[in-house]
Amino acid sequence: MSLVAQSTVSQSPFGAGLRLTDDRLDIAEAVLAGAWRTLRAAGFGEAEVQALFDQIADRPEDLARRLRKMANAAG
């Protein structure tokens, strides 16, 4: 990691010890924005999408476990 990247490491709300550099945070935000747009295009209302994101934020361990299971099944 470059000195610039080290100096721009963000505090992470995702748990102790997990930190994202600014470039990785930008990528994660772009992915989440894409998910938001996809759900809206699929007919979910704005309030429904927000509620879904809120549910995910409240249970990050459950989400991580489900995503790992899906990734392993696809691989």
PDB file of N, CA and C in Angstrom:
ATOM      1  N   MET A   1       0.859  -1.174   0.000  1.00  0.00           N
ATOM      2  CA  MET A   1       0.000   0.000   0.000  1.00  0.00           C
ATOM      3  C   MET A   1       0.898   1.228   0.000  1.00  0.00           C
ATOM      4  N   SER A   2       0.563   2.182  -0.832  1.00  0.00           N
ATOM      5  CA  SER A   2       1.373   3.392  -0.929  1.00  0.00           C
ATOM      6  C   SER A   2       1.204   4.259   0.315  1.00  0.00           C
ATOM      7  N   LEU A   3       2.119   5.201   0.477  1.00  0.00           N
ATOM      8  CA  LEU A   3       2.026   6.111   1.618  1.00  0.00           C
ATOM      9  C   LEU A   3       0.764   6.951   1.546  1.00  0.00           C
ATOM     10  N   VAL A   4       0.372   7.328   0.338  1.00  0.00           N
ATOM     11  CA  VAL A   4      -0.849   8.123   0.179  1.00  0.00           C
ATOM     12  C   VAL A   4      -2.053   7.293   0.604  1.00  0.00           C
ATOM     13  N   ALA A   5      -2.123   6.052   0.144  1.00  0.00           N
ATOM     14  CA  ALA A   5      -3.247   5.190   0.500  1.00  0.00           C
ATOM     15  C   ALA A   5      -3.275   4.931   1.999  1.00  0.00           C
ATOM     16  N   GLN A   6      -2.107   4.745   2.608  1.00  0.00           N
ATOM     17  CA  GLN A   6      -2.051   4.516   4.042  1.00  0.00           C
ATOM     18  C   GLN A   6      -2.562   5.729   4.806  1.00  0.00           C
ATOM     19  N   SER A   7      -2.262   6.906   4.314  1.00  0.00           N
ATOM     20  CA  SER A   7      -2.676   8.109   5.033  1.00  0.00           C
ATOM     21  C   SER A   7      -4.147   8.430   4.847  1.00  0.00           C
ATOM     22  N   THR A   8      -4.798   7.807   3.859  1.00  0.00           N
ATOM     23  CA  THR A   8      -6.207   8.082   3.607  1.00  0.00           C
ATOM     24  C   THR A   8      -7.106   6.938   4.040  1.00  0.00           C
ATOM     25  N   VAL A   9      -6.591   6.060   4.874  1.00  0.00           N
ATOM     26  CA  VAL A   9      -7.405   4.943   5.346  1.00  0.00           C
ATOM     27  C   VAL A   9      -8.555   5.493   6.176  1.00  0.00           C
ATOM     28  N   SER A  10      -9.754   5.044   5.850  1.00  0.00           N
ATOM     29  CA  SER A  10     -10.957   5.536   6.524  1.00  0.00           C
ATOM     30  C   SER A  10     -11.269   4.696   7.749  1.00  0.00           C
ATOM     31  N   GLN A  11     -11.853   5.337   8.738  1.00  0.00           N
ATOM     32  CA  GLN A  11     -12.395   4.583   9.860  1.00  0.00           C
ATOM     33  C   GLN A  11     -13.578   3.790   9.332  1.00  0.00           C
ATOM     34  N   SER A  12     -13.692   2.536   9.727  1.00  0.00           N
ATOM     35  CA  SER A  12     -14.733   1.693   9.182  1.00  0.00           C
ATOM     36  C   SER A  12     -15.812   1.395  10.204  1.00  0.00           C
ATOM     37  N   PRO A  13     -17.068   1.509   9.790  1.00  0.00           N
ATOM     38  CA  PRO A  13     -18.159   1.114  10.674  1.00  0.00           C
ATOM     39  C   PRO A  13     -18.400  -0.382  10.639  1.00  0.00           C
ATOM     40  N   PHE A  14     -17.603  -1.126   9.855  1.00  0.00           N
ATOM     41  CA  PHE A  14     -17.860  -2.546   9.619  1.00  0.00           C
ATOM     42  C   PHE A  14     -17.261  -3.460  10.663  1.00  0.00           C
ATOM     43  N   GLY A  15     -16.526  -2.944  11.609  1.00  0.00           N
ATOM     44  CA  GLY A  15     -15.979  -3.791  12.645  1.00  0.00           C
ATOM     45  C   GLY A  15     -14.558  -3.405  12.977  1.00  0.00           C
ATOM     46  N   ALA A  16     -14.147  -3.813  14.141  1.00  0.00           N
ATOM     47  CA  ALA A  16     -12.806  -3.489  14.609  1.00  0.00           C
ATOM     48  C   ALA A  16     -11.764  -4.105  13.686  1.00  0.00           C
ATOM     49  N   GLY A  17     -10.790  -3.304  13.327  1.00  0.00           N
ATOM     50  CA  GLY A  17      -9.681  -3.804  12.526  1.00  0.00           C
ATOM     51  C   GLY A  17      -9.913  -3.774  11.030  1.00  0.00           C
ATOM     52  N   LEU A  18     -11.148  -3.609  10.582  1.00  0.00           N
ATOM     53  CA  LEU A  18     -11.416  -3.576   9.152  1.00  0.00           C
ATOM     54  C   LEU A  18     -11.433  -2.127   8.697  1.00  0.00           C
ATOM     55  N   ARG A  19     -10.523  -1.807   7.801  1.00  0.00           N
ATOM     56  CA  ARG A  19     -10.435  -0.437   7.295  1.00  0.00           C
ATOM     57  C   ARG A  19     -10.395  -0.490   5.766  1.00  0.00           C
ATOM     58  N   LEU A  20     -11.034   0.469   5.155  1.00  0.00           N
ATOM     59  CA  LEU A  20     -11.052   0.558   3.706  1.00  0.00           C
ATOM     60  C   LEU A  20     -10.289   1.794   3.274  1.00  0.00           C
ATOM     61  N   THR A  21      -9.441   1.631   2.254  1.00  0.00           N
ATOM     62  CA  THR A  21      -8.798   2.805   1.681  1.00  0.00           C
ATOM     63  C   THR A  21      -9.853   3.558   0.883  1.00  0.00           C
ATOM     64  N   ASP A  22      -9.579   4.825   0.586  1.00  0.00           N
ATOM     65  CA  ASP A  22     -10.553   5.639  -0.135  1.00  0.00           C
ATOM     66  C   ASP A  22     -10.954   5.018  -1.470  1.00  0.00           C
ATOM     67  N   ASP A  23     -10.003   4.436  -2.206  1.00  0.00           N
ATOM     68  CA  ASP A  23     -10.344   3.865  -3.508  1.00  0.00           C
ATOM     69  C   ASP A  23     -11.247   2.647  -3.354  1.00  0.00           C
ATOM     70  N   ARG A  24     -11.012   1.827  -2.341  1.00  0.00           N
ATOM     71  CA  ARG A  24     -11.871   0.662  -2.118  1.00  0.00           C
ATOM     72  C   ARG A  24     -13.248   1.092  -1.612  1.00  0.00           C
ATOM     73  N   LEU A  25     -13.291   2.134  -0.817  1.00  0.00           N
ATOM     74  CA  LEU A  25     -14.567   2.666  -0.362  1.00  0.00           C
ATOM     75  C   LEU A  25     -15.373   3.205  -1.549  1.00  0.00           C
ATOM     76  N   ASP A  26     -14.713   3.870  -2.479  1.00  0.00           N
ATOM     77  CA  ASP A  26     -15.384   4.360  -3.691  1.00  0.00           C
ATOM     78  C   ASP A  26     -15.983   3.205  -4.485  1.00  0.00           C
ATOM     79  N   ILE A  27     -15.240   2.114  -4.606  1.00  0.00           N
ATOM     80  CA  ILE A  27     -15.733   0.941  -5.333  1.00  0.00           C
ATOM     81  C   ILE A  27     -16.959   0.362  -4.628  1.00  0.00           C
ATOM     82  N   ALA A  28     -16.878   0.211  -3.310  1.00  0.00           N
ATOM     83  CA  ALA A  28     -17.996  -0.341  -2.543  1.00  0.00           C
ATOM     84  C   ALA A  28     -19.236   0.545  -2.679  1.00  0.00           C
ATOM     85  N   GLU A  29     -19.049   1.851  -2.622  1.00  0.00           N
ATOM     86  CA  GLU A  29     -20.187   2.766  -2.767  1.00  0.00           C
ATOM     87  C   GLU A  29     -20.795   2.666  -4.160  1.00  0.00           C
ATOM     88  N   ALA A  30     -19.972   2.493  -5.187  1.00  0.00           N
ATOM     89  CA  ALA A  30     -20.488   2.346  -6.551  1.00  0.00           C
ATOM     90  C   ALA A  30     -21.297   1.059  -6.690  1.00  0.00           C
ATOM     91  N   VAL A  31     -20.829  -0.011  -6.071  1.00  0.00           N
ATOM     92  CA  VAL A  31     -21.564  -1.281  -6.113  1.00  0.00           C
ATOM     93  C   VAL A  31     -22.911  -1.135  -5.421  1.00  0.00           C
ATOM     94  N   LEU A  32     -22.917  -0.492  -4.243  1.00  0.00           N
ATOM     95  CA  LEU A  32     -24.176  -0.299  -3.522  1.00  0.00           C
ATOM     96  C   LEU A  32     -25.131   0.608  -4.288  1.00  0.00           C
ATOM     97  N   ALA A  33     -24.603   1.629  -4.935  1.00  0.00           N
ATOM     98  CA  ALA A  33     -25.450   2.505  -5.756  1.00  0.00           C
ATOM     99  C   ALA A  33     -26.048   1.717  -6.916  1.00  0.00           C
ATOM    100  N   GLY A  34     -25.263   0.822  -7.499  1.00  0.00           N
ATOM    101  CA  GLY A  34     -25.769  -0.035  -8.570  1.00  0.00           C
ATOM    102  C   GLY A  34     -26.871  -0.957  -8.079  1.00  0.00           C
ATOM    103  N   ALA A  35     -26.699  -1.496  -6.873  1.00  0.00           N
ATOM    104  CA  ALA A  35     -27.737  -2.350  -6.292  1.00  0.00           C
ATOM    105  C   ALA A  35     -29.020  -1.549  -6.078  1.00  0.00           C
ATOM    106  N   TRP A  36     -28.855  -0.325  -5.584  1.00  0.00           N
ATOM    107  CA  TRP A  36     -30.018   0.552  -5.375  1.00  0.00           C
ATOM    108  C   TRP A  36     -30.761   0.774  -6.699  1.00  0.00           C
ATOM    109  N   ARG A  37     -30.018   1.136  -7.748  1.00  0.00           N
ATOM    110  CA  ARG A  37     -30.646   1.389  -9.055  1.00  0.00           C
ATOM    111  C   ARG A  37     -31.302   0.125  -9.607  1.00  0.00           C
ATOM    112  N   THR A  38     -30.671  -1.028  -9.428  1.00  0.00           N
ATOM    113  CA  THR A  38     -31.217  -2.289  -9.920  1.00  0.00           C
ATOM    114  C   THR A  38     -32.532  -2.622  -9.228  1.00  0.00           C
ATOM    115  N   LEU A  39     -32.559  -2.468  -7.918  1.00  0.00           N
ATOM    116  CA  LEU A  39     -33.795  -2.741  -7.182  1.00  0.00           C
ATOM    117  C   LEU A  39     -34.906  -1.780  -7.583  1.00  0.00           C
ATOM    118  N   ARG A  40     -34.562  -0.515  -7.764  1.00  0.00           N
ATOM    119  CA  ARG A  40     -35.567   0.469  -8.194  1.00  0.00           C
ATOM    120  C   ARG A  40     -36.086   0.110  -9.592  1.00  0.00           C
ATOM    121  N   ALA A  41     -35.193  -0.293 -10.493  1.00  0.00           N
ATOM    122  CA  ALA A  41     -35.599  -0.670 -11.849  1.00  0.00           C
ATOM    123  C   ALA A  41     -36.458  -1.936 -11.837  1.00  0.00           C
ATOM    124  N   ALA A  42     -36.273  -2.781 -10.830  1.00  0.00           N
ATOM    125  CA  ALA A  42     -37.053  -4.015 -10.709  1.00  0.00           C
ATOM    126  C   ALA A  42     -38.423  -3.773 -10.084  1.00  0.00           C
ATOM    127  N   GLY A  43     -38.707  -2.515  -9.760  1.00  0.00           N
ATOM    128  CA  GLY A  43     -40.027  -2.175  -9.262  1.00  0.00           C
ATOM    129  C   GLY A  43     -40.139  -1.945  -7.768  1.00  0.00           C
ATOM    130  N   PHE A  44     -39.041  -2.042  -7.054  1.00  0.00           N
ATOM    131  CA  PHE A  44     -39.073  -1.744  -5.622  1.00  0.00           C
ATOM    132  C   PHE A  44     -39.213  -0.238  -5.442  1.00  0.00           C
ATOM    133  N   GLY A  45     -40.054   0.156  -4.503  1.00  0.00           N
ATOM    134  CA  GLY A  45     -40.192   1.566  -4.183  1.00  0.00           C
ATOM    135  C   GLY A  45     -38.988   2.046  -3.389  1.00  0.00           C
ATOM    136  N   GLU A  46     -38.797   3.355  -3.365  1.00  0.00           N
ATOM    137  CA  GLU A  46     -37.652   3.917  -2.651  1.00  0.00           C
ATOM    138  C   GLU A  46     -37.665   3.525  -1.176  1.00  0.00           C
ATOM    139  N   ALA A  47     -38.841   3.572  -0.555  1.00  0.00           N
ATOM    140  CA  ALA A  47     -38.943   3.204   0.857  1.00  0.00           C
ATOM    141  C   ALA A  47     -38.620   1.720   1.064  1.00  0.00           C
ATOM    142  N   GLU A  48     -39.019   0.871   0.115  1.00  0.00           N
ATOM    143  CA  GLU A  48     -38.714  -0.556   0.221  1.00  0.00           C
ATOM    144  C   GLU A  48     -37.213  -0.815   0.131  1.00  0.00           C
ATOM    145  N   VAL A  49     -36.558  -0.118  -0.798  1.00  0.00           N
ATOM    146  CA  VAL A  49     -35.118  -0.286  -0.951  1.00  0.00           C
ATOM    147  C   VAL A  49     -34.402   0.202   0.304  1.00  0.00           C
ATOM    148  N   GLN A  50     -34.819   1.345   0.829  1.00  0.00           N
ATOM    149  CA  GLN A  50     -34.207   1.858   2.047  1.00  0.00           C
ATOM    150  C   GLN A  50     -34.402   0.885   3.204  1.00  0.00           C
ATOM    151  N   ALA A  51     -35.602   0.319   3.317  1.00  0.00           N
ATOM    152  CA  ALA A  51     -35.871  -0.650   4.392  1.00  0.00           C
ATOM    153  C   ALA A  51     -34.996  -1.892   4.233  1.00  0.00           C
ATOM    154  N   LEU A  52     -34.793  -2.334   3.009  1.00  0.00           N
ATOM    155  CA  LEU A  52     -33.928  -3.486   2.756  1.00  0.00           C
ATOM    156  C   LEU A  52     -32.494  -3.191   3.161  1.00  0.00           C
ATOM    157  N   PHE A  53     -31.983  -2.041   2.775  1.00  0.00           N
ATOM    158  CA  PHE A  53     -30.623  -1.642   3.156  1.00  0.00           C
ATOM    159  C   PHE A  53     -30.507  -1.520   4.678  1.00  0.00           C
ATOM    160  N   ASP A  54     -31.557  -1.005   5.332  1.00  0.00           N
ATOM    161  CA  ASP A  54     -31.550  -0.897   6.788  1.00  0.00           C
ATOM    162  C   ASP A  54     -31.505  -2.278   7.438  1.00  0.00           C
ATOM    163  N   GLN A  55     -32.284  -3.225   6.908  1.00  0.00           N
ATOM    164  CA  GLN A  55     -32.275  -4.589   7.443  1.00  0.00           C
ATOM    165  C   GLN A  55     -30.894  -5.214   7.302  1.00  0.00           C
ATOM    166  N   ILE A  56     -30.279  -5.021   6.158  1.00  0.00           N
ATOM    167  CA  ILE A  56     -28.942  -5.563   5.919  1.00  0.00           C
ATOM    168  C   ILE A  56     -27.942  -4.947   6.893  1.00  0.00           C
ATOM    169  N   ALA A  57     -28.037  -3.643   7.102  1.00  0.00           N
ATOM    170  CA  ALA A  57     -27.120  -2.962   8.009  1.00  0.00           C
ATOM    171  C   ALA A  57     -27.277  -3.454   9.437  1.00  0.00           C
ATOM    172  N   ASP A  58     -28.488  -3.846   9.809  1.00  0.00           N
ATOM    173  CA  ASP A  58     -28.742  -4.329  11.164  1.00  0.00           C
ATOM    174  C   ASP A  58     -28.222  -5.744  11.394  1.00  0.00           C
ATOM    175  N   ARG A  59     -28.002  -6.508  10.300  1.00  0.00           N
ATOM    176  CA  ARG A  59     -27.566  -7.902  10.446  1.00  0.00           C
ATOM    177  C   ARG A  59     -26.417  -8.226   9.495  1.00  0.00           C
ATOM    178  N   PRO A  60     -25.275  -7.563   9.631  1.00  0.00           N
ATOM    179  CA  PRO A  60     -24.182  -7.779   8.674  1.00  0.00           C
ATOM    180  C   PRO A  60     -23.638  -9.210   8.687  1.00  0.00           C
ATOM    181  N   GLU A  61     -23.664  -9.887   9.838  1.00  0.00           N
ATOM    182  CA  GLU A  61     -23.151 -11.254   9.893  1.00  0.00           C
ATOM    183  C   GLU A  61     -24.029 -12.196   9.065  1.00  0.00           C
ATOM    184  N   ASP A  62     -25.361 -12.013   9.152  1.00  0.00           N
ATOM    185  CA  ASP A  62     -26.273 -12.835   8.372  1.00  0.00           C
ATOM    186  C   ASP A  62     -26.040 -12.625   6.882  1.00  0.00           C
ATOM    187  N   LEU A  63     -25.873 -11.378   6.489  1.00  0.00           N
ATOM    188  CA  LEU A  63     -25.641 -11.071   5.080  1.00  0.00           C
ATOM    189  C   LEU A  63     -24.339 -11.696   4.598  1.00  0.00           C
ATOM    190  N   ALA A  64     -23.283 -11.547   5.367  1.00  0.00           N
ATOM    191  CA  ALA A  64     -21.989 -12.112   4.969  1.00  0.00           C
ATOM    192  C   ALA A  64     -22.092 -13.623   4.808  1.00  0.00           C
ATOM    193  N   ARG A  65     -22.776 -14.278   5.729  1.00  0.00           N
ATOM    194  CA  ARG A  65     -22.943 -15.739   5.652  1.00  0.00           C
ATOM    195  C   ARG A  65     -23.721 -16.134   4.394  1.00  0.00           C
ATOM    196  N   ARG A  66     -24.806 -15.408   4.091  1.00  0.00           N
ATOM    197  CA  ARG A  66     -25.603 -15.718   2.891  1.00  0.00           C
ATOM    198  C   ARG A  66     -24.817 -15.471   1.621  1.00  0.00           C
ATOM    199  N   LEU A  67     -24.054 -14.375   1.568  1.00  0.00           N
ATOM    200  CA  LEU A  67     -23.267 -14.076   0.371  1.00  0.00           C
ATOM    201  C   LEU A  67     -22.179 -15.121   0.148  1.00  0.00           C
ATOM    202  N   ARG A  68     -21.520 -15.564   1.233  1.00  0.00           N
ATOM    203  CA  ARG A  68     -20.507 -16.625   1.091  1.00  0.00           C
ATOM    204  C   ARG A  68     -21.136 -17.901   0.571  1.00  0.00           C
ATOM    205  N   LYS A  69     -22.314 -18.255   1.078  1.00  0.00           N
ATOM    206  CA  LYS A  69     -23.012 -19.461   0.646  1.00  0.00           C
ATOM    207  C   LYS A  69     -23.347 -19.380  -0.846  1.00  0.00           C
ATOM    208  N   MET A  70     -23.855 -18.226  -1.293  1.00  0.00           N
ATOM    209  CA  MET A  70     -24.188 -18.052  -2.712  1.00  0.00           C
ATOM    210  C   MET A  70     -22.941 -18.101  -3.579  1.00  0.00           C
ATOM    211  N   ALA A  71     -21.865 -17.472  -3.134  1.00  0.00           N
ATOM    212  CA  ALA A  71     -20.620 -17.467  -3.905  1.00  0.00           C
ATOM    213  C   ALA A  71     -20.045 -18.867  -4.016  1.00  0.00           C
ATOM    214  N   ASN A  72     -20.096 -19.629  -2.932  1.00  0.00           N
ATOM    215  CA  ASN A  72     -19.575 -20.993  -2.955  1.00  0.00           C
ATOM    216  C   ASN A  72     -20.412 -21.907  -3.836  1.00  0.00           C
ATOM    217  N   ALA A  73     -21.728 -21.691  -3.860  1.00  0.00           N
ATOM    218  CA  ALA A  73     -22.617 -22.506  -4.691  1.00  0.00           C
ATOM    219  C   ALA A  73     -22.384 -22.213  -6.174  1.00  0.00           C
ATOM    220  N   ALA A  74     -22.073 -20.955  -6.496  1.00  0.00           N
ATOM    221  CA  ALA A  74     -21.865 -20.563  -7.897  1.00  0.00           C
ATOM    222  C   ALA A  74     -20.508 -21.017  -8.402  1.00  0.00           C
ATOM    223  N   GLY A  75     -19.549 -21.191  -7.500  1.00  0.00           N
ATOM    224  CA  GLY A  75     -18.170 -21.501  -7.884  1.00  0.00           C
ATOM    225  C   GLY A  75     -17.973 -22.932  -8.113  1.00  0.00           C
TER     226      GLY A  75
END
